[in-house]
Amino acid sequence: MRRYLLLAAATALVAACGSPEADADGDGKITMKEAAEKSKDLVKPEPGQYRATVEMVNVEVPGAPKEIQEMMKKMISVGPQTHEYCLTKEEAAKGFEEMARQSNKNEDCSFEKFETDGGTIDAVMNCSRPEHGMARMTMQGTGTTTSSSMTMTMDAQTPDGKTMKMTMKSNQERIGDCDG
């Protein structure tokens, strides 16, 4: 899930500039490579210390055992989780392109939709791994060179047909320079 959050955050940062049509080969499927290619000349996050806040808004696991349902309710009741990290100059220079490549190392992911306009993002990403099933993530939010705000909804299906839906909100904000 952390990989999806990083990709979503990077996607939000890309949104600060408009992007041309991402489906370069016209096959109706926007690959990670196509999205990365269209994104490499767009805004990149500034290096620095960032605070990321992720909040689980909703989790639904129909048909799951009661223990799993209770565990999911506890995840929501914990409230927002915050952590800080340093985005180095080298990492920031790689921007979305490298993040997309890293997030797609072990998964077959592509964008069904990848639209950015005036600092907003509206995207749909589909991922599939035979051993884990399929996931469809919608991402809507805003981004600048120093912040992003994203709402993500993931609908997942396991190989045995079980489903899960979760909605989370993510905010990232540059809070200063990195230590040292």
N, C-alpha and C. Protein backbone atom coordinates (compact mmCIF):
# COMPACT_ATOMS: atom_id res chain seq x y z
N MET A 1 0.83 -1.18 0.00
CA MET A 1 0.00 0.00 0.00
C MET A 1 0.88 1.25 0.00
N ARG A 2 2.00 1.22 0.70
CA ARG A 2 2.90 2.37 0.72
C ARG A 2 3.33 2.73 -0.70
N ARG A 3 3.58 1.71 -1.53
CA ARG A 3 3.98 1.94 -2.91
C ARG A 3 2.88 2.71 -3.64
N TYR A 4 1.62 2.33 -3.44
CA TYR A 4 0.52 3.04 -4.09
C TYR A 4 0.43 4.48 -3.59
N LEU A 5 0.66 4.70 -2.29
CA LEU A 5 0.59 6.05 -1.75
C LEU A 5 1.68 6.93 -2.33
N LEU A 6 2.90 6.38 -2.45
CA LEU A 6 3.98 7.15 -3.06
C LEU A 6 3.66 7.51 -4.50
N LEU A 7 3.13 6.56 -5.23
CA LEU A 7 2.77 6.83 -6.61
C LEU A 7 1.68 7.89 -6.68
N ALA A 8 0.68 7.79 -5.83
CA ALA A 8 -0.40 8.76 -5.82
C ALA A 8 0.11 10.14 -5.47
N ALA A 9 0.98 10.23 -4.48
CA ALA A 9 1.54 11.52 -4.09
C ALA A 9 2.35 12.12 -5.23
N ALA A 10 3.13 11.30 -5.88
CA ALA A 10 3.93 11.79 -7.01
C ALA A 10 3.00 12.24 -8.13
N THR A 11 1.93 11.52 -8.35
CA THR A 11 0.97 11.89 -9.38
C THR A 11 0.35 13.24 -9.06
N ALA A 12 0.06 13.48 -7.79
CA ALA A 12 -0.51 14.78 -7.40
C ALA A 12 0.47 15.91 -7.66
N LEU A 13 1.74 15.68 -7.40
CA LEU A 13 2.74 16.72 -7.65
C LEU A 13 2.87 17.02 -9.13
N VAL A 14 2.69 16.02 -9.96
CA VAL A 14 2.75 16.20 -11.40
C VAL A 14 1.61 17.11 -11.88
N ALA A 15 0.53 17.14 -11.13
CA ALA A 15 -0.68 17.84 -11.55
C ALA A 15 -0.53 19.36 -11.62
N ALA A 16 0.53 19.91 -11.11
CA ALA A 16 0.67 21.36 -11.09
C ALA A 16 0.75 21.96 -12.49
N CYS A 17 1.09 21.19 -13.46
CA CYS A 17 1.09 21.67 -14.85
C CYS A 17 0.12 20.80 -15.65
N GLY A 18 -0.46 21.38 -16.70
CA GLY A 18 -1.31 20.57 -17.55
C GLY A 18 -0.49 19.56 -18.31
N SER A 19 -1.10 18.45 -18.72
CA SER A 19 -0.35 17.47 -19.49
C SER A 19 -1.07 17.16 -20.79
N PRO A 20 -0.33 16.88 -21.84
CA PRO A 20 -0.96 16.48 -23.09
C PRO A 20 -1.53 15.07 -22.95
N GLU A 21 -2.23 14.62 -23.96
CA GLU A 21 -2.79 13.27 -23.93
C GLU A 21 -1.69 12.27 -23.60
N ALA A 22 -1.94 11.44 -22.59
CA ALA A 22 -0.91 10.52 -22.11
C ALA A 22 -0.79 9.24 -22.93
N ASP A 23 -1.83 8.85 -23.63
CA ASP A 23 -1.80 7.59 -24.40
C ASP A 23 -1.07 7.80 -25.72
N ALA A 24 0.25 7.78 -25.65
CA ALA A 24 1.09 8.11 -26.80
C ALA A 24 0.88 7.19 -28.00
N ASP A 25 0.67 5.89 -27.76
CA ASP A 25 0.54 4.96 -28.89
C ASP A 25 -0.91 4.74 -29.33
N GLY A 26 -1.86 5.38 -28.63
CA GLY A 26 -3.26 5.32 -29.05
C GLY A 26 -3.92 3.98 -28.86
N ASP A 27 -3.37 3.11 -27.99
CA ASP A 27 -3.97 1.78 -27.81
C ASP A 27 -5.07 1.74 -26.75
N GLY A 28 -5.40 2.91 -26.18
CA GLY A 28 -6.45 2.96 -25.17
C GLY A 28 -5.98 2.61 -23.77
N LYS A 29 -4.68 2.36 -23.63
CA LYS A 29 -4.10 1.99 -22.34
C LYS A 29 -2.90 2.90 -22.09
N ILE A 30 -2.90 3.57 -20.94
CA ILE A 30 -1.80 4.47 -20.61
C ILE A 30 -0.84 3.71 -19.70
N THR A 31 0.27 3.29 -20.26
CA THR A 31 1.24 2.53 -19.48
C THR A 31 1.96 3.45 -18.51
N MET A 32 2.60 2.85 -17.50
CA MET A 32 3.39 3.63 -16.58
C MET A 32 4.48 4.37 -17.34
N LYS A 33 5.06 3.73 -18.34
CA LYS A 33 6.11 4.37 -19.13
C LYS A 33 5.56 5.60 -19.85
N GLU A 34 4.36 5.49 -20.44
CA GLU A 34 3.76 6.64 -21.13
C GLU A 34 3.46 7.77 -20.15
N ALA A 35 2.90 7.43 -18.99
CA ALA A 35 2.60 8.46 -17.99
C ALA A 35 3.89 9.12 -17.52
N ALA A 36 4.91 8.31 -17.29
CA ALA A 36 6.20 8.85 -16.84
C ALA A 36 6.81 9.75 -17.91
N GLU A 37 6.72 9.32 -19.17
CA GLU A 37 7.30 10.09 -20.27
C GLU A 37 6.61 11.46 -20.38
N LYS A 38 5.31 11.47 -20.27
CA LYS A 38 4.58 12.73 -20.37
C LYS A 38 4.81 13.60 -19.15
N SER A 39 5.26 13.02 -18.07
CA SER A 39 5.42 13.73 -16.81
C SER A 39 6.82 14.27 -16.57
N LYS A 40 7.81 13.81 -17.29
CA LYS A 40 9.18 14.16 -16.91
C LYS A 40 9.53 15.62 -17.10
N ASP A 41 8.82 16.35 -17.96
CA ASP A 41 9.09 17.77 -18.12
C ASP A 41 8.16 18.64 -17.29
N LEU A 42 7.26 18.03 -16.55
CA LEU A 42 6.33 18.79 -15.73
C LEU A 42 6.95 19.09 -14.37
N VAL A 43 6.20 19.78 -13.56
CA VAL A 43 6.69 20.21 -12.25
C VAL A 43 7.19 19.02 -11.43
N LYS A 44 8.27 19.25 -10.73
CA LYS A 44 8.83 18.23 -9.84
C LYS A 44 8.75 18.75 -8.42
N PRO A 45 8.67 17.87 -7.46
CA PRO A 45 8.63 18.34 -6.07
C PRO A 45 9.96 18.99 -5.69
N GLU A 46 9.88 20.00 -4.85
CA GLU A 46 11.10 20.62 -4.33
C GLU A 46 11.73 19.68 -3.31
N PRO A 47 13.04 19.60 -3.26
CA PRO A 47 13.68 18.81 -2.21
C PRO A 47 13.38 19.45 -0.85
N GLY A 48 13.42 18.64 0.17
CA GLY A 48 13.22 19.17 1.52
C GLY A 48 12.55 18.17 2.43
N GLN A 49 12.27 18.64 3.63
CA GLN A 49 11.59 17.83 4.64
C GLN A 49 10.08 17.94 4.39
N TYR A 50 9.42 16.79 4.34
CA TYR A 50 7.98 16.76 4.09
C TYR A 50 7.26 16.07 5.24
N ARG A 51 6.05 16.53 5.48
CA ARG A 51 5.16 15.85 6.43
C ARG A 51 4.02 15.24 5.60
N ALA A 52 3.85 13.96 5.76
CA ALA A 52 2.78 13.24 5.07
C ALA A 52 1.74 12.78 6.08
N THR A 53 0.50 13.03 5.77
CA THR A 53 -0.60 12.59 6.62
C THR A 53 -1.51 11.72 5.78
N VAL A 54 -1.75 10.52 6.26
CA VAL A 54 -2.63 9.58 5.57
C VAL A 54 -3.75 9.19 6.52
N GLU A 55 -4.96 9.30 6.04
CA GLU A 55 -6.12 8.95 6.86
C GLU A 55 -6.98 7.93 6.12
N MET A 56 -7.25 6.83 6.79
CA MET A 56 -8.16 5.82 6.26
C MET A 56 -9.58 6.33 6.52
N VAL A 57 -10.33 6.55 5.47
CA VAL A 57 -11.67 7.11 5.60
C VAL A 57 -12.72 6.02 5.66
N ASN A 58 -12.52 4.96 4.87
CA ASN A 58 -13.51 3.90 4.81
C ASN A 58 -12.84 2.61 4.36
N VAL A 59 -13.25 1.50 4.97
CA VAL A 59 -12.79 0.18 4.56
C VAL A 59 -13.99 -0.75 4.59
N GLU A 60 -14.20 -1.44 3.48
CA GLU A 60 -15.28 -2.42 3.39
C GLU A 60 -14.70 -3.74 2.91
N VAL A 61 -14.99 -4.80 3.67
CA VAL A 61 -14.55 -6.13 3.29
C VAL A 61 -15.75 -7.06 3.42
N PRO A 62 -16.65 -7.03 2.43
CA PRO A 62 -17.85 -7.86 2.52
C PRO A 62 -17.52 -9.34 2.66
N GLY A 63 -18.22 -9.99 3.54
CA GLY A 63 -18.05 -11.42 3.72
C GLY A 63 -16.84 -11.82 4.54
N ALA A 64 -16.08 -10.84 5.03
CA ALA A 64 -14.90 -11.16 5.83
C ALA A 64 -15.34 -11.60 7.23
N PRO A 65 -14.54 -12.43 7.88
CA PRO A 65 -14.86 -12.83 9.25
C PRO A 65 -14.99 -11.61 10.17
N LYS A 66 -15.75 -11.76 11.22
CA LYS A 66 -16.01 -10.66 12.14
C LYS A 66 -14.71 -10.05 12.68
N GLU A 67 -13.70 -10.88 12.93
CA GLU A 67 -12.43 -10.37 13.46
C GLU A 67 -11.78 -9.40 12.47
N ILE A 68 -11.86 -9.72 11.19
CA ILE A 68 -11.28 -8.85 10.16
C ILE A 68 -12.08 -7.55 10.09
N GLN A 69 -13.40 -7.64 10.15
CA GLN A 69 -14.25 -6.45 10.12
C GLN A 69 -13.89 -5.53 11.29
N GLU A 70 -13.71 -6.10 12.49
CA GLU A 70 -13.36 -5.31 13.67
C GLU A 70 -11.98 -4.67 13.51
N MET A 71 -11.04 -5.40 12.95
CA MET A 71 -9.71 -4.86 12.73
C MET A 71 -9.77 -3.66 11.79
N MET A 72 -10.60 -3.76 10.75
CA MET A 72 -10.74 -2.66 9.81
C MET A 72 -11.36 -1.44 10.49
N LYS A 73 -12.35 -1.65 11.34
CA LYS A 73 -12.97 -0.53 12.06
C LYS A 73 -11.93 0.17 12.94
N LYS A 74 -11.03 -0.61 13.54
CA LYS A 74 -9.99 -0.02 14.38
C LYS A 74 -9.03 0.82 13.55
N MET A 75 -8.74 0.37 12.34
CA MET A 75 -7.85 1.14 11.46
C MET A 75 -8.41 2.53 11.22
N ILE A 76 -9.71 2.61 11.02
CA ILE A 76 -10.35 3.89 10.76
C ILE A 76 -10.38 4.74 12.03
N SER A 77 -10.66 4.11 13.18
CA SER A 77 -10.80 4.86 14.42
C SER A 77 -9.48 5.42 14.93
N VAL A 78 -8.35 4.88 14.48
CA VAL A 78 -7.04 5.38 14.90
C VAL A 78 -6.84 6.83 14.47
N GLY A 79 -7.45 7.21 13.38
CA GLY A 79 -7.31 8.57 12.88
C GLY A 79 -6.11 8.71 11.95
N PRO A 80 -5.83 9.94 11.56
CA PRO A 80 -4.74 10.19 10.61
C PRO A 80 -3.38 9.75 11.16
N GLN A 81 -2.57 9.19 10.28
CA GLN A 81 -1.21 8.80 10.61
C GLN A 81 -0.26 9.79 9.92
N THR A 82 0.67 10.33 10.68
CA THR A 82 1.58 11.33 10.15
C THR A 82 3.02 10.85 10.28
N HIS A 83 3.79 11.09 9.26
CA HIS A 83 5.22 10.83 9.33
C HIS A 83 5.95 11.89 8.50
N GLU A 84 7.22 12.05 8.78
CA GLU A 84 8.04 13.00 8.05
C GLU A 84 9.15 12.26 7.32
N TYR A 85 9.56 12.81 6.20
CA TYR A 85 10.65 12.21 5.43
C TYR A 85 11.40 13.30 4.70
N CYS A 86 12.61 12.98 4.34
CA CYS A 86 13.45 13.90 3.59
C CYS A 86 13.46 13.48 2.13
N LEU A 87 13.09 14.40 1.26
CA LEU A 87 13.16 14.18 -0.17
C LEU A 87 14.43 14.88 -0.64
N THR A 88 15.42 14.07 -1.02
CA THR A 88 16.71 14.63 -1.41
C THR A 88 16.62 15.31 -2.77
N LYS A 89 17.64 16.09 -3.07
CA LYS A 89 17.72 16.77 -4.37
C LYS A 89 17.72 15.75 -5.50
N GLU A 90 18.44 14.65 -5.31
CA GLU A 90 18.51 13.60 -6.33
C GLU A 90 17.15 12.92 -6.53
N GLU A 91 16.46 12.64 -5.43
CA GLU A 91 15.13 12.01 -5.52
C GLU A 91 14.14 12.96 -6.18
N ALA A 92 14.17 14.23 -5.81
CA ALA A 92 13.26 15.22 -6.39
C ALA A 92 13.51 15.38 -7.89
N ALA A 93 14.77 15.32 -8.30
CA ALA A 93 15.11 15.47 -9.72
C ALA A 93 14.54 14.34 -10.55
N LYS A 94 14.40 13.16 -9.95
CA LYS A 94 13.84 12.02 -10.67
C LYS A 94 12.34 12.17 -10.86
N GLY A 95 11.69 12.93 -9.97
CA GLY A 95 10.26 13.21 -10.10
C GLY A 95 9.40 11.98 -10.25
N PHE A 96 8.32 12.15 -10.95
CA PHE A 96 7.32 11.10 -11.13
C PHE A 96 7.86 9.92 -11.93
N GLU A 97 8.68 10.21 -12.90
CA GLU A 97 9.15 9.15 -13.79
C GLU A 97 9.79 8.00 -13.02
N GLU A 98 10.72 8.31 -12.11
CA GLU A 98 11.38 7.26 -11.34
C GLU A 98 10.42 6.60 -10.35
N MET A 99 9.54 7.40 -9.72
CA MET A 99 8.58 6.83 -8.78
C MET A 99 7.66 5.83 -9.49
N ALA A 100 7.24 6.17 -10.70
CA ALA A 100 6.38 5.27 -11.46
C ALA A 100 7.11 3.96 -11.76
N ARG A 101 8.37 4.08 -12.15
CA ARG A 101 9.14 2.86 -12.45
C ARG A 101 9.31 2.01 -11.19
N GLN A 102 9.63 2.65 -10.06
CA GLN A 102 9.82 1.91 -8.82
C GLN A 102 8.53 1.24 -8.38
N SER A 103 7.41 1.93 -8.51
CA SER A 103 6.15 1.37 -8.03
C SER A 103 5.66 0.23 -8.92
N ASN A 104 6.17 0.14 -10.13
CA ASN A 104 5.67 -0.85 -11.06
C ASN A 104 6.64 -2.03 -11.23
N LYS A 105 7.65 -2.14 -10.38
CA LYS A 105 8.65 -3.19 -10.54
C LYS A 105 8.05 -4.59 -10.55
N ASN A 106 7.15 -4.87 -9.64
CA ASN A 106 6.63 -6.23 -9.50
C ASN A 106 5.15 -6.34 -9.83
N GLU A 107 4.59 -5.35 -10.47
CA GLU A 107 3.16 -5.38 -10.74
C GLU A 107 2.89 -4.93 -12.16
N ASP A 108 1.80 -5.40 -12.68
CA ASP A 108 1.34 -4.96 -13.98
C ASP A 108 0.33 -3.85 -13.74
N CYS A 109 0.76 -2.61 -13.83
CA CYS A 109 -0.11 -1.47 -13.60
C CYS A 109 -0.14 -0.59 -14.85
N SER A 110 -1.29 -0.03 -15.11
CA SER A 110 -1.43 0.96 -16.17
C SER A 110 -2.53 1.92 -15.77
N PHE A 111 -2.51 3.08 -16.40
CA PHE A 111 -3.56 4.07 -16.15
C PHE A 111 -4.68 3.88 -17.15
N GLU A 112 -5.88 3.85 -16.67
CA GLU A 112 -7.07 3.87 -17.50
C GLU A 112 -7.37 5.32 -17.89
N LYS A 113 -7.02 6.21 -16.97
CA LYS A 113 -7.25 7.64 -17.15
C LYS A 113 -6.11 8.38 -16.45
N PHE A 114 -5.60 9.43 -17.09
CA PHE A 114 -4.51 10.20 -16.51
C PHE A 114 -4.65 11.63 -17.01
N GLU A 115 -5.40 12.44 -16.27
CA GLU A 115 -5.67 13.82 -16.69
C GLU A 115 -5.18 14.78 -15.63
N THR A 116 -4.44 15.79 -16.07
CA THR A 116 -4.00 16.85 -15.18
C THR A 116 -4.36 18.18 -15.84
N ASP A 117 -4.73 19.13 -15.00
CA ASP A 117 -5.09 20.45 -15.53
C ASP A 117 -5.02 21.47 -14.41
N GLY A 118 -4.15 22.44 -14.56
CA GLY A 118 -4.10 23.56 -13.62
C GLY A 118 -3.89 23.15 -12.17
N GLY A 119 -3.10 22.13 -11.94
CA GLY A 119 -2.82 21.73 -10.57
C GLY A 119 -3.77 20.68 -10.02
N THR A 120 -4.61 20.11 -10.88
CA THR A 120 -5.51 19.05 -10.42
C THR A 120 -5.17 17.74 -11.12
N ILE A 121 -5.53 16.66 -10.48
CA ILE A 121 -5.30 15.33 -11.06
C ILE A 121 -6.60 14.54 -10.98
N ASP A 122 -6.87 13.79 -12.02
CA ASP A 122 -7.99 12.87 -12.06
C ASP A 122 -7.46 11.65 -12.80
N ALA A 123 -7.22 10.58 -12.06
CA ALA A 123 -6.59 9.41 -12.67
C ALA A 123 -7.23 8.12 -12.16
N VAL A 124 -7.14 7.11 -12.99
CA VAL A 124 -7.58 5.76 -12.62
C VAL A 124 -6.47 4.81 -13.01
N MET A 125 -5.98 4.05 -12.04
CA MET A 125 -4.89 3.11 -12.27
C MET A 125 -5.38 1.70 -11.97
N ASN A 126 -5.03 0.77 -12.84
CA ASN A 126 -5.38 -0.64 -12.66
C ASN A 126 -4.10 -1.45 -12.50
N CYS A 127 -4.09 -2.33 -11.49
CA CYS A 127 -2.94 -3.19 -11.25
C CYS A 127 -3.42 -4.63 -11.12
N SER A 128 -2.59 -5.55 -11.57
CA SER A 128 -2.95 -6.95 -11.50
C SER A 128 -1.70 -7.79 -11.23
N ARG A 129 -1.83 -8.68 -10.26
CA ARG A 129 -0.78 -9.67 -9.98
C ARG A 129 -1.52 -10.99 -9.77
N PRO A 130 -1.17 -12.01 -10.52
CA PRO A 130 -1.91 -13.28 -10.41
C PRO A 130 -2.01 -13.81 -8.97
N GLU A 131 -0.94 -13.65 -8.20
CA GLU A 131 -0.96 -14.20 -6.84
C GLU A 131 -1.73 -13.32 -5.86
N HIS A 132 -2.01 -12.04 -6.22
CA HIS A 132 -2.71 -11.14 -5.31
C HIS A 132 -4.06 -10.67 -5.84
N GLY A 133 -4.32 -10.81 -7.09
CA GLY A 133 -5.58 -10.37 -7.65
C GLY A 133 -5.45 -9.03 -8.37
N MET A 134 -6.57 -8.34 -8.46
CA MET A 134 -6.63 -7.09 -9.21
C MET A 134 -7.02 -5.94 -8.30
N ALA A 135 -6.56 -4.74 -8.65
CA ALA A 135 -6.94 -3.54 -7.90
C ALA A 135 -7.14 -2.40 -8.88
N ARG A 136 -8.17 -1.61 -8.62
CA ARG A 136 -8.46 -0.42 -9.41
C ARG A 136 -8.45 0.76 -8.44
N MET A 137 -7.59 1.73 -8.70
CA MET A 137 -7.47 2.87 -7.81
C MET A 137 -7.83 4.15 -8.54
N THR A 138 -8.77 4.89 -7.97
CA THR A 138 -9.09 6.21 -8.49
C THR A 138 -8.37 7.23 -7.61
N MET A 139 -7.84 8.26 -8.25
CA MET A 139 -7.10 9.30 -7.54
C MET A 139 -7.58 10.66 -8.02
N GLN A 140 -7.97 11.48 -7.07
CA GLN A 140 -8.37 12.84 -7.39
C GLN A 140 -7.75 13.76 -6.37
N GLY A 141 -7.15 14.84 -6.86
CA GLY A 141 -6.53 15.75 -5.93
C GLY A 141 -5.86 16.92 -6.62
N THR A 142 -5.03 17.60 -5.83
CA THR A 142 -4.31 18.77 -6.29
C THR A 142 -2.86 18.65 -5.90
N GLY A 143 -2.01 19.38 -6.61
CA GLY A 143 -0.59 19.33 -6.28
C GLY A 143 0.15 20.56 -6.73
N THR A 144 1.21 20.88 -6.00
CA THR A 144 2.14 21.95 -6.35
C THR A 144 3.54 21.40 -6.15
N THR A 145 4.55 22.24 -6.28
CA THR A 145 5.91 21.78 -6.07
C THR A 145 6.21 21.51 -4.60
N THR A 146 5.35 21.97 -3.69
CA THR A 146 5.62 21.80 -2.25
C THR A 146 4.50 21.11 -1.48
N SER A 147 3.45 20.70 -2.17
CA SER A 147 2.36 20.05 -1.44
C SER A 147 1.49 19.23 -2.38
N SER A 148 0.74 18.34 -1.78
CA SER A 148 -0.26 17.60 -2.54
C SER A 148 -1.38 17.19 -1.59
N SER A 149 -2.55 17.04 -2.16
CA SER A 149 -3.71 16.56 -1.42
C SER A 149 -4.44 15.61 -2.36
N MET A 150 -4.70 14.40 -1.90
CA MET A 150 -5.24 13.37 -2.77
C MET A 150 -6.26 12.53 -2.02
N THR A 151 -7.34 12.20 -2.69
CA THR A 151 -8.28 11.20 -2.20
C THR A 151 -8.16 10.01 -3.12
N MET A 152 -7.93 8.84 -2.53
CA MET A 152 -7.75 7.62 -3.31
C MET A 152 -8.76 6.58 -2.87
N THR A 153 -9.36 5.94 -3.82
CA THR A 153 -10.27 4.83 -3.52
C THR A 153 -9.77 3.62 -4.27
N MET A 154 -9.57 2.53 -3.54
CA MET A 154 -9.08 1.30 -4.14
C MET A 154 -10.13 0.22 -4.01
N ASP A 155 -10.49 -0.36 -5.15
CA ASP A 155 -11.37 -1.53 -5.19
C ASP A 155 -10.48 -2.70 -5.59
N ALA A 156 -10.41 -3.69 -4.73
CA ALA A 156 -9.53 -4.83 -4.99
C ALA A 156 -10.33 -6.13 -4.98
N GLN A 157 -9.84 -7.08 -5.76
CA GLN A 157 -10.43 -8.41 -5.80
C GLN A 157 -9.31 -9.43 -5.75
N THR A 158 -9.43 -10.36 -4.80
CA THR A 158 -8.42 -11.41 -4.65
C THR A 158 -8.64 -12.50 -5.69
N PRO A 159 -7.65 -13.35 -5.92
CA PRO A 159 -7.83 -14.42 -6.90
C PRO A 159 -9.02 -15.33 -6.59
N ASP A 160 -9.39 -15.44 -5.31
CA ASP A 160 -10.53 -16.29 -4.96
C ASP A 160 -11.87 -15.55 -4.99
N GLY A 161 -11.88 -14.31 -5.52
CA GLY A 161 -13.12 -13.58 -5.72
C GLY A 161 -13.55 -12.69 -4.57
N LYS A 162 -12.81 -12.63 -3.48
CA LYS A 162 -13.18 -11.75 -2.37
C LYS A 162 -12.85 -10.31 -2.74
N THR A 163 -13.66 -9.40 -2.23
CA THR A 163 -13.48 -8.00 -2.58
C THR A 163 -13.17 -7.15 -1.34
N MET A 164 -12.56 -6.02 -1.60
CA MET A 164 -12.27 -5.05 -0.56
C MET A 164 -12.30 -3.67 -1.20
N LYS A 165 -12.82 -2.71 -0.47
CA LYS A 165 -12.83 -1.33 -0.94
C LYS A 165 -12.31 -0.47 0.20
N MET A 166 -11.35 0.40 -0.12
CA MET A 166 -10.88 1.33 0.90
C MET A 166 -10.69 2.70 0.29
N THR A 167 -10.99 3.70 1.11
CA THR A 167 -10.82 5.08 0.71
C THR A 167 -9.89 5.74 1.71
N MET A 168 -8.90 6.45 1.20
CA MET A 168 -7.98 7.14 2.08
C MET A 168 -7.68 8.53 1.53
N LYS A 169 -7.30 9.40 2.43
CA LYS A 169 -6.89 10.75 2.05
C LYS A 169 -5.43 10.91 2.42
N SER A 170 -4.70 11.56 1.55
CA SER A 170 -3.27 11.77 1.76
C SER A 170 -2.94 13.24 1.51
N ASN A 171 -2.21 13.82 2.43
CA ASN A 171 -1.73 15.19 2.27
C ASN A 171 -0.23 15.20 2.53
N GLN A 172 0.51 15.87 1.68
CA GLN A 172 1.95 16.01 1.86
C GLN A 172 2.28 17.49 1.75
N GLU A 173 3.15 17.93 2.65
CA GLU A 173 3.49 19.34 2.69
C GLU A 173 4.97 19.51 3.01
N ARG A 174 5.64 20.34 2.24
CA ARG A 174 7.04 20.65 2.53
C ARG A 174 7.07 21.54 3.76
N ILE A 175 7.86 21.14 4.76
CA ILE A 175 7.88 21.88 6.02
C ILE A 175 9.25 22.52 6.30
N GLY A 176 10.19 22.38 5.38
CA GLY A 176 11.49 22.99 5.58
C GLY A 176 12.58 22.21 4.88
N ASP A 177 13.80 22.53 5.23
CA ASP A 177 14.95 21.84 4.66
C ASP A 177 15.22 20.56 5.45
N CYS A 178 15.87 19.63 4.80
CA CYS A 178 16.27 18.39 5.48
C CYS A 178 17.38 18.68 6.48
N ASP A 179 17.43 17.92 7.54
CA ASP A 179 18.51 18.03 8.52
C ASP A 179 19.80 17.53 7.89
N GLY A 180 20.88 18.23 8.20
CA GLY A 180 22.21 17.78 7.79
C GLY A 180 22.44 17.90 6.37
